[in-house]
Amino acid sequence: MSRPTLMAMAVLFIGVLLAMFNPSMEVCPPSYLGICEWRNCVEEKPAGSHMMICLPEERPENCLQESWEQLTELNELEPC
């Protein structure tokens, strides 16, 4: 292999390693997972080949008022 090709491969390899092991790039779970009975407050909608969790316009009957308020304040979920 030529020297430029080896250099490009080395740079790519280092980039992959940094992406995999860089603590500043950790993925944290969504905040709404810590809300009590959050599943009773959300719905699902299709998003391409999978389903996506979304927040309905109005609070579902079985959704706790406090949970609903926390979910709407977080603003992490897309509207349905």
PDB file of N, CA and C in Angstrom:
ATOM      1  N   MET A   1       0.838  -1.186   0.000  1.00  0.00           N
ATOM      2  CA  MET A   1       0.000   0.000   0.000  1.00  0.00           C
ATOM      3  C   MET A   1       0.881   1.247   0.000  1.00  0.00           C
ATOM      4  N   SER A   2       0.343   2.273  -0.576  1.00  0.00           N
ATOM      5  CA  SER A   2       1.098   3.528  -0.624  1.00  0.00           C
ATOM      6  C   SER A   2       1.035   4.236   0.734  1.00  0.00           C
ATOM      7  N   ARG A   3       1.961   5.120   0.939  1.00  0.00           N
ATOM      8  CA  ARG A   3       2.031   5.862   2.205  1.00  0.00           C
ATOM      9  C   ARG A   3       0.757   6.687   2.454  1.00  0.00           C
ATOM     10  N   PRO A   4       0.219   7.415   1.461  1.00  0.00           N
ATOM     11  CA  PRO A   4      -1.027   8.168   1.697  1.00  0.00           C
ATOM     12  C   PRO A   4      -2.195   7.257   2.088  1.00  0.00           C
ATOM     13  N   THR A   5      -2.271   6.075   1.489  1.00  0.00           N
ATOM     14  CA  THR A   5      -3.343   5.139   1.829  1.00  0.00           C
ATOM     15  C   THR A   5      -3.201   4.672   3.271  1.00  0.00           C
ATOM     16  N   LEU A   6      -1.976   4.349   3.678  1.00  0.00           N
ATOM     17  CA  LEU A   6      -1.733   3.930   5.059  1.00  0.00           C
ATOM     18  C   LEU A   6      -2.065   5.046   6.045  1.00  0.00           C
ATOM     19  N   MET A   7      -1.719   6.263   5.704  1.00  0.00           N
ATOM     20  CA  MET A   7      -2.024   7.411   6.574  1.00  0.00           C
ATOM     21  C   MET A   7      -3.534   7.598   6.704  1.00  0.00           C
ATOM     22  N   ALA A   8      -4.245   7.483   5.596  1.00  0.00           N
ATOM     23  CA  ALA A   8      -5.699   7.629   5.624  1.00  0.00           C
ATOM     24  C   ALA A   8      -6.326   6.541   6.481  1.00  0.00           C
ATOM     25  N   MET A   9      -5.845   5.327   6.367  1.00  0.00           N
ATOM     26  CA  MET A   9      -6.369   4.221   7.168  1.00  0.00           C
ATOM     27  C   MET A   9      -6.071   4.435   8.648  1.00  0.00           C
ATOM     28  N   ALA A  10      -4.884   4.955   8.965  1.00  0.00           N
ATOM     29  CA  ALA A  10      -4.524   5.215  10.357  1.00  0.00           C
ATOM     30  C   ALA A  10      -5.422   6.292  10.959  1.00  0.00           C
ATOM     31  N   VAL A  11      -5.666   7.350  10.209  1.00  0.00           N
ATOM     32  CA  VAL A  11      -6.536   8.431  10.682  1.00  0.00           C
ATOM     33  C   VAL A  11      -7.954   7.909  10.899  1.00  0.00           C
ATOM     34  N   LEU A  12      -8.447   7.111   9.984  1.00  0.00           N
ATOM     35  CA  LEU A  12      -9.777   6.527  10.120  1.00  0.00           C
ATOM     36  C   LEU A  12      -9.846   5.637  11.356  1.00  0.00           C
ATOM     37  N   PHE A  13      -8.845   4.809  11.556  1.00  0.00           N
ATOM     38  CA  PHE A  13      -8.801   3.911  12.704  1.00  0.00           C
ATOM     39  C   PHE A  13      -8.799   4.696  14.014  1.00  0.00           C
ATOM     40  N   ILE A  14      -7.997   5.745  14.083  1.00  0.00           N
ATOM     41  CA  ILE A  14      -7.943   6.575  15.289  1.00  0.00           C
ATOM     42  C   ILE A  14      -9.293   7.246  15.528  1.00  0.00           C
ATOM     43  N   GLY A  15      -9.935   7.713  14.469  1.00  0.00           N
ATOM     44  CA  GLY A  15     -11.261   8.320  14.598  1.00  0.00           C
ATOM     45  C   GLY A  15     -12.282   7.350  15.147  1.00  0.00           C
ATOM     46  N   VAL A  16     -12.251   6.118  14.667  1.00  0.00           N
ATOM     47  CA  VAL A  16     -13.181   5.094  15.160  1.00  0.00           C
ATOM     48  C   VAL A  16     -12.914   4.815  16.633  1.00  0.00           C
ATOM     49  N   LEU A  17     -11.656   4.688  17.008  1.00  0.00           N
ATOM     50  CA  LEU A  17     -11.317   4.448  18.415  1.00  0.00           C
ATOM     51  C   LEU A  17     -11.787   5.590  19.307  1.00  0.00           C
ATOM     52  N   LEU A  18     -11.581   6.820  18.875  1.00  0.00           N
ATOM     53  CA  LEU A  18     -12.028   7.966  19.666  1.00  0.00           C
ATOM     54  C   LEU A  18     -13.544   7.975  19.819  1.00  0.00           C
ATOM     55  N   ALA A  19     -14.247   7.655  18.762  1.00  0.00           N
ATOM     56  CA  ALA A  19     -15.709   7.624  18.817  1.00  0.00           C
ATOM     57  C   ALA A  19     -16.202   6.531  19.755  1.00  0.00           C
ATOM     58  N   MET A  20     -15.496   5.416  19.796  1.00  0.00           N
ATOM     59  CA  MET A  20     -15.924   4.288  20.626  1.00  0.00           C
ATOM     60  C   MET A  20     -15.587   4.484  22.100  1.00  0.00           C
ATOM     61  N   PHE A  21     -14.472   5.114  22.401  1.00  0.00           N
ATOM     62  CA  PHE A  21     -13.992   5.146  23.774  1.00  0.00           C
ATOM     63  C   PHE A  21     -13.919   6.532  24.396  1.00  0.00           C
ATOM     64  N   ASN A  22     -14.400   7.534  23.735  1.00  0.00           N
ATOM     65  CA  ASN A  22     -14.374   8.890  24.268  1.00  0.00           C
ATOM     66  C   ASN A  22     -15.513   9.057  25.274  1.00  0.00           C
ATOM     67  N   PRO A  23     -15.210   9.267  26.565  1.00  0.00           N
ATOM     68  CA  PRO A  23     -16.268   9.374  27.570  1.00  0.00           C
ATOM     69  C   PRO A  23     -17.197  10.563  27.348  1.00  0.00           C
ATOM     70  N   SER A  24     -16.747  11.595  26.660  1.00  0.00           N
ATOM     71  CA  SER A  24     -17.613  12.747  26.428  1.00  0.00           C
ATOM     72  C   SER A  24     -18.697  12.437  25.404  1.00  0.00           C
ATOM     73  N   MET A  25     -18.597  11.309  24.727  1.00  0.00           N
ATOM     74  CA  MET A  25     -19.582  10.940  23.716  1.00  0.00           C
ATOM     75  C   MET A  25     -20.501   9.824  24.208  1.00  0.00           C
ATOM     76  N   GLU A  26     -20.605   9.648  25.535  1.00  0.00           N
ATOM     77  CA  GLU A  26     -21.464   8.609  26.078  1.00  0.00           C
ATOM     78  C   GLU A  26     -22.915   8.927  25.749  1.00  0.00           C
ATOM     79  N   VAL A  27     -23.685   7.897  25.560  1.00  0.00           N
ATOM     80  CA  VAL A  27     -25.108   8.059  25.298  1.00  0.00           C
ATOM     81  C   VAL A  27     -25.853   7.772  26.592  1.00  0.00           C
ATOM     82  N   CYS A  28     -26.599   8.739  27.061  1.00  0.00           N
ATOM     83  CA  CYS A  28     -27.362   8.581  28.293  1.00  0.00           C
ATOM     84  C   CYS A  28     -28.799   8.203  27.947  1.00  0.00           C
ATOM     85  N   PRO A  29     -29.456   7.477  28.838  1.00  0.00           N
ATOM     86  CA  PRO A  29     -30.858   7.143  28.583  1.00  0.00           C
ATOM     87  C   PRO A  29     -31.718   8.403  28.650  1.00  0.00           C
ATOM     88  N   PRO A  30     -32.838   8.410  27.951  1.00  0.00           N
ATOM     89  CA  PRO A  30     -33.723   9.582  27.989  1.00  0.00           C
ATOM     90  C   PRO A  30     -34.220   9.848  29.415  1.00  0.00           C
ATOM     91  N   SER A  31     -34.401  11.101  29.747  1.00  0.00           N
ATOM     92  CA  SER A  31     -34.845  11.496  31.091  1.00  0.00           C
ATOM     93  C   SER A  31     -36.230  10.965  31.424  1.00  0.00           C
ATOM     94  N   TYR A  32     -37.096  10.835  30.417  1.00  0.00           N
ATOM     95  CA  TYR A  32     -38.467  10.410  30.699  1.00  0.00           C
ATOM     96  C   TYR A  32     -38.548   9.001  31.273  1.00  0.00           C
ATOM     97  N   LEU A  33     -37.496   8.207  31.119  1.00  0.00           N
ATOM     98  CA  LEU A  33     -37.509   6.855  31.684  1.00  0.00           C
ATOM     99  C   LEU A  33     -37.549   6.878  33.208  1.00  0.00           C
ATOM    100  N   GLY A  34     -37.184   7.994  33.814  1.00  0.00           N
ATOM    101  CA  GLY A  34     -37.221   8.124  35.266  1.00  0.00           C
ATOM    102  C   GLY A  34     -38.550   8.633  35.800  1.00  0.00           C
ATOM    103  N   ILE A  35     -39.498   8.903  34.933  1.00  0.00           N
ATOM    104  CA  ILE A  35     -40.802   9.414  35.357  1.00  0.00           C
ATOM    105  C   ILE A  35     -41.720   8.240  35.683  1.00  0.00           C
ATOM    106  N   CYS A  36     -42.396   8.345  36.804  1.00  0.00           N
ATOM    107  CA  CYS A  36     -43.289   7.283  37.284  1.00  0.00           C
ATOM    108  C   CYS A  36     -44.388   6.982  36.263  1.00  0.00           C
ATOM    109  N   GLU A  37     -44.506   5.723  35.899  1.00  0.00           N
ATOM    110  CA  GLU A  37     -45.557   5.228  34.992  1.00  0.00           C
ATOM    111  C   GLU A  37     -45.648   6.021  33.684  1.00  0.00           C
ATOM    112  N   TRP A  38     -44.518   6.392  33.126  1.00  0.00           N
ATOM    113  CA  TRP A  38     -44.490   7.184  31.894  1.00  0.00           C
ATOM    114  C   TRP A  38     -45.166   6.480  30.730  1.00  0.00           C
ATOM    115  N   ARG A  39     -45.126   5.138  30.729  1.00  0.00           N
ATOM    116  CA  ARG A  39     -45.718   4.380  29.611  1.00  0.00           C
ATOM    117  C   ARG A  39     -47.223   4.613  29.483  1.00  0.00           C
ATOM    118  N   ASN A  40     -47.882   4.952  30.593  1.00  0.00           N
ATOM    119  CA  ASN A  40     -49.322   5.209  30.548  1.00  0.00           C
ATOM    120  C   ASN A  40     -49.647   6.552  29.899  1.00  0.00           C
ATOM    121  N   CYS A  41     -48.628   7.351  29.654  1.00  0.00           N
ATOM    122  CA  CYS A  41     -48.840   8.707  29.142  1.00  0.00           C
ATOM    123  C   CYS A  41     -48.482   8.872  27.669  1.00  0.00           C
ATOM    124  N   VAL A  42     -47.893   7.860  27.067  1.00  0.00           N
ATOM    125  CA  VAL A  42     -47.405   7.997  25.695  1.00  0.00           C
ATOM    126  C   VAL A  42     -48.165   7.087  24.738  1.00  0.00           C
ATOM    127  N   GLU A  43     -47.997   7.361  23.461  1.00  0.00           N
ATOM    128  CA  GLU A  43     -48.542   6.525  22.393  1.00  0.00           C
ATOM    129  C   GLU A  43     -47.399   6.187  21.447  1.00  0.00           C
ATOM    130  N   GLU A  44     -47.696   5.400  20.438  1.00  0.00           N
ATOM    131  CA  GLU A  44     -46.696   5.074  19.423  1.00  0.00           C
ATOM    132  C   GLU A  44     -47.204   5.518  18.065  1.00  0.00           C
ATOM    133  N   LYS A  45     -46.260   5.929  17.213  1.00  0.00           N
ATOM    134  CA  LYS A  45     -46.611   6.269  15.839  1.00  0.00           C
ATOM    135  C   LYS A  45     -45.544   5.686  14.922  1.00  0.00           C
ATOM    136  N   PRO A  46     -45.932   5.341  13.687  1.00  0.00           N
ATOM    137  CA  PRO A  46     -44.949   4.774  12.759  1.00  0.00           C
ATOM    138  C   PRO A  46     -43.908   5.814  12.355  1.00  0.00           C
ATOM    139  N   ALA A  47     -42.675   5.345  12.258  1.00  0.00           N
ATOM    140  CA  ALA A  47     -41.566   6.204  11.817  1.00  0.00           C
ATOM    141  C   ALA A  47     -40.691   5.370  10.897  1.00  0.00           C
ATOM    142  N   GLY A  48     -41.061   5.326   9.647  1.00  0.00           N
ATOM    143  CA  GLY A  48     -40.324   4.494   8.695  1.00  0.00           C
ATOM    144  C   GLY A  48     -40.589   3.029   8.957  1.00  0.00           C
ATOM    145  N   SER A  49     -39.541   2.281   9.237  1.00  0.00           N
ATOM    146  CA  SER A  49     -39.688   0.840   9.433  1.00  0.00           C
ATOM    147  C   SER A  49     -39.864   0.465  10.902  1.00  0.00           C
ATOM    148  N   HIS A  50     -39.982   1.448  11.786  1.00  0.00           N
ATOM    149  CA  HIS A  50     -40.140   1.143  13.207  1.00  0.00           C
ATOM    150  C   HIS A  50     -41.222   2.033  13.818  1.00  0.00           C
ATOM    151  N   MET A  51     -41.534   1.771  15.077  1.00  0.00           N
ATOM    152  CA  MET A  51     -42.508   2.587  15.794  1.00  0.00           C
ATOM    153  C   MET A  51     -41.760   3.545  16.714  1.00  0.00           C
ATOM    154  N   MET A  52     -42.342   4.713  16.913  1.00  0.00           N
ATOM    155  CA  MET A  52     -41.706   5.758  17.705  1.00  0.00           C
ATOM    156  C   MET A  52     -42.647   6.174  18.836  1.00  0.00           C
ATOM    157  N   ILE A  53     -42.101   6.411  20.011  1.00  0.00           N
ATOM    158  CA  ILE A  53     -42.906   6.872  21.139  1.00  0.00           C
ATOM    159  C   ILE A  53     -43.173   8.359  20.951  1.00  0.00           C
ATOM    160  N   CYS A  54     -44.417   8.752  21.216  1.00  0.00           N
ATOM    161  CA  CYS A  54     -44.781  10.162  21.068  1.00  0.00           C
ATOM    162  C   CYS A  54     -45.726  10.568  22.193  1.00  0.00           C
ATOM    163  N   LEU A  55     -45.879  11.859  22.373  1.00  0.00           N
ATOM    164  CA  LEU A  55     -46.737  12.403  23.415  1.00  0.00           C
ATOM    165  C   LEU A  55     -48.036  12.904  22.781  1.00  0.00           C
ATOM    166  N   PRO A  56     -49.176  12.331  23.197  1.00  0.00           N
ATOM    167  CA  PRO A  56     -50.453  12.781  22.625  1.00  0.00           C
ATOM    168  C   PRO A  56     -50.769  14.224  23.041  1.00  0.00           C
ATOM    169  N   GLU A  57     -51.706  14.837  22.333  1.00  0.00           N
ATOM    170  CA  GLU A  57     -52.073  16.226  22.635  1.00  0.00           C
ATOM    171  C   GLU A  57     -52.700  16.366  24.012  1.00  0.00           C
ATOM    172  N   GLU A  58     -53.511  15.376  24.387  1.00  0.00           N
ATOM    173  CA  GLU A  58     -54.192  15.428  25.678  1.00  0.00           C
ATOM    174  C   GLU A  58     -53.748  14.274  26.559  1.00  0.00           C
ATOM    175  N   ARG A  59     -53.789  14.477  27.858  1.00  0.00           N
ATOM    176  CA  ARG A  59     -53.370  13.459  28.819  1.00  0.00           C
ATOM    177  C   ARG A  59     -54.325  12.268  28.775  1.00  0.00           C
ATOM    178  N   PRO A  60     -53.786  11.067  28.547  1.00  0.00           N
ATOM    179  CA  PRO A  60     -54.632   9.871  28.584  1.00  0.00           C
ATOM    180  C   PRO A  60     -55.214   9.662  29.987  1.00  0.00           C
ATOM    181  N   GLU A  61     -56.366   9.004  30.048  1.00  0.00           N
ATOM    182  CA  GLU A  61     -57.068   8.801  31.316  1.00  0.00           C
ATOM    183  C   GLU A  61     -56.223   8.102  32.372  1.00  0.00           C
ATOM    184  N   ASN A  62     -55.457   7.098  31.965  1.00  0.00           N
ATOM    185  CA  ASN A  62     -54.681   6.317  32.937  1.00  0.00           C
ATOM    186  C   ASN A  62     -53.290   6.901  33.205  1.00  0.00           C
ATOM    187  N   CYS A  63     -53.048   8.107  32.744  1.00  0.00           N
ATOM    188  CA  CYS A  63     -51.760   8.785  32.947  1.00  0.00           C
ATOM    189  C   CYS A  63     -51.857   9.678  34.183  1.00  0.00           C
ATOM    190  N   LEU A  64     -50.924   9.517  35.108  1.00  0.00           N
ATOM    191  CA  LEU A  64     -50.906  10.346  36.309  1.00  0.00           C
ATOM    192  C   LEU A  64     -50.668  11.812  35.942  1.00  0.00           C
ATOM    193  N   GLN A  65     -51.391  12.711  36.599  1.00  0.00           N
ATOM    194  CA  GLN A  65     -51.257  14.144  36.322  1.00  0.00           C
ATOM    195  C   GLN A  65     -49.810  14.607  36.505  1.00  0.00           C
ATOM    196  N   GLU A  66     -49.176  14.169  37.586  1.00  0.00           N
ATOM    197  CA  GLU A  66     -47.791  14.578  37.852  1.00  0.00           C
ATOM    198  C   GLU A  66     -46.843  14.078  36.760  1.00  0.00           C
ATOM    199  N   SER A  67     -47.061  12.851  36.310  1.00  0.00           N
ATOM    200  CA  SER A  67     -46.227  12.295  35.238  1.00  0.00           C
ATOM    201  C   SER A  67     -46.424  13.082  33.951  1.00  0.00           C
ATOM    202  N   TRP A  68     -47.662  13.420  33.643  1.00  0.00           N
ATOM    203  CA  TRP A  68     -47.975  14.183  32.439  1.00  0.00           C
ATOM    204  C   TRP A  68     -47.268  15.539  32.455  1.00  0.00           C
ATOM    205  N   GLU A  69     -47.342  16.203  33.603  1.00  0.00           N
ATOM    206  CA  GLU A  69     -46.700  17.514  33.725  1.00  0.00           C
ATOM    207  C   GLU A  69     -45.187  17.402  33.537  1.00  0.00           C
ATOM    208  N   GLN A  70     -44.588  16.365  34.123  1.00  0.00           N
ATOM    209  CA  GLN A  70     -43.146  16.176  33.974  1.00  0.00           C
ATOM    210  C   GLN A  70     -42.777  15.898  32.521  1.00  0.00           C
ATOM    211  N   LEU A  71     -43.551  15.066  31.852  1.00  0.00           N
ATOM    212  CA  LEU A  71     -43.268  14.736  30.450  1.00  0.00           C
ATOM    213  C   LEU A  71     -43.390  15.959  29.547  1.00  0.00           C
ATOM    214  N   THR A  72     -44.413  16.759  29.763  1.00  0.00           N
ATOM    215  CA  THR A  72     -44.594  17.939  28.915  1.00  0.00           C
ATOM    216  C   THR A  72     -43.515  18.988  29.190  1.00  0.00           C
ATOM    217  N   GLU A  73     -43.047  19.083  30.433  1.00  0.00           N
ATOM    218  CA  GLU A  73     -41.981  20.033  30.761  1.00  0.00           C
ATOM    219  C   GLU A  73     -40.641  19.608  30.168  1.00  0.00           C
ATOM    220  N   LEU A  74     -40.394  18.299  30.110  1.00  0.00           N
ATOM    221  CA  LEU A  74     -39.129  17.803  29.564  1.00  0.00           C
ATOM    222  C   LEU A  74     -38.964  18.161  28.097  1.00  0.00           C
ATOM    223  N   ASN A  75     -40.057  18.087  27.355  1.00  0.00           N
ATOM    224  CA  ASN A  75     -40.038  18.386  25.924  1.00  0.00           C
ATOM    225  C   ASN A  75     -39.056  17.489  25.156  1.00  0.00           C
ATOM    226  N   GLU A  76     -38.970  16.205  25.557  1.00  0.00           N
ATOM    227  CA  GLU A  76     -38.086  15.240  24.886  1.00  0.00           C
ATOM    228  C   GLU A  76     -38.817  14.422  23.829  1.00  0.00           C
ATOM    229  N   LEU A  77     -40.127  14.294  23.984  1.00  0.00           N
ATOM    230  CA  LEU A  77     -40.899  13.438  23.081  1.00  0.00           C
ATOM    231  C   LEU A  77     -41.597  14.268  22.011  1.00  0.00           C
ATOM    232  N   GLU A  78     -41.618  13.735  20.806  1.00  0.00           N
ATOM    233  CA  GLU A  78     -42.330  14.409  19.716  1.00  0.00           C
ATOM    234  C   GLU A  78     -43.829  14.285  19.935  1.00  0.00           C
ATOM    235  N   PRO A  79     -44.595  15.267  19.475  1.00  0.00           N
ATOM    236  CA  PRO A  79     -46.053  15.141  19.560  1.00  0.00           C
ATOM    237  C   PRO A  79     -46.554  14.073  18.593  1.00  0.00           C
ATOM    238  N   CYS A  80     -47.666  13.446  18.967  1.00  0.00           N
ATOM    239  CA  CYS A  80     -48.258  12.415  18.096  1.00  0.00           C
ATOM    240  C   CYS A  80     -49.033  13.048  16.960  1.00  0.00           C
TER     241      CYS A  80
END
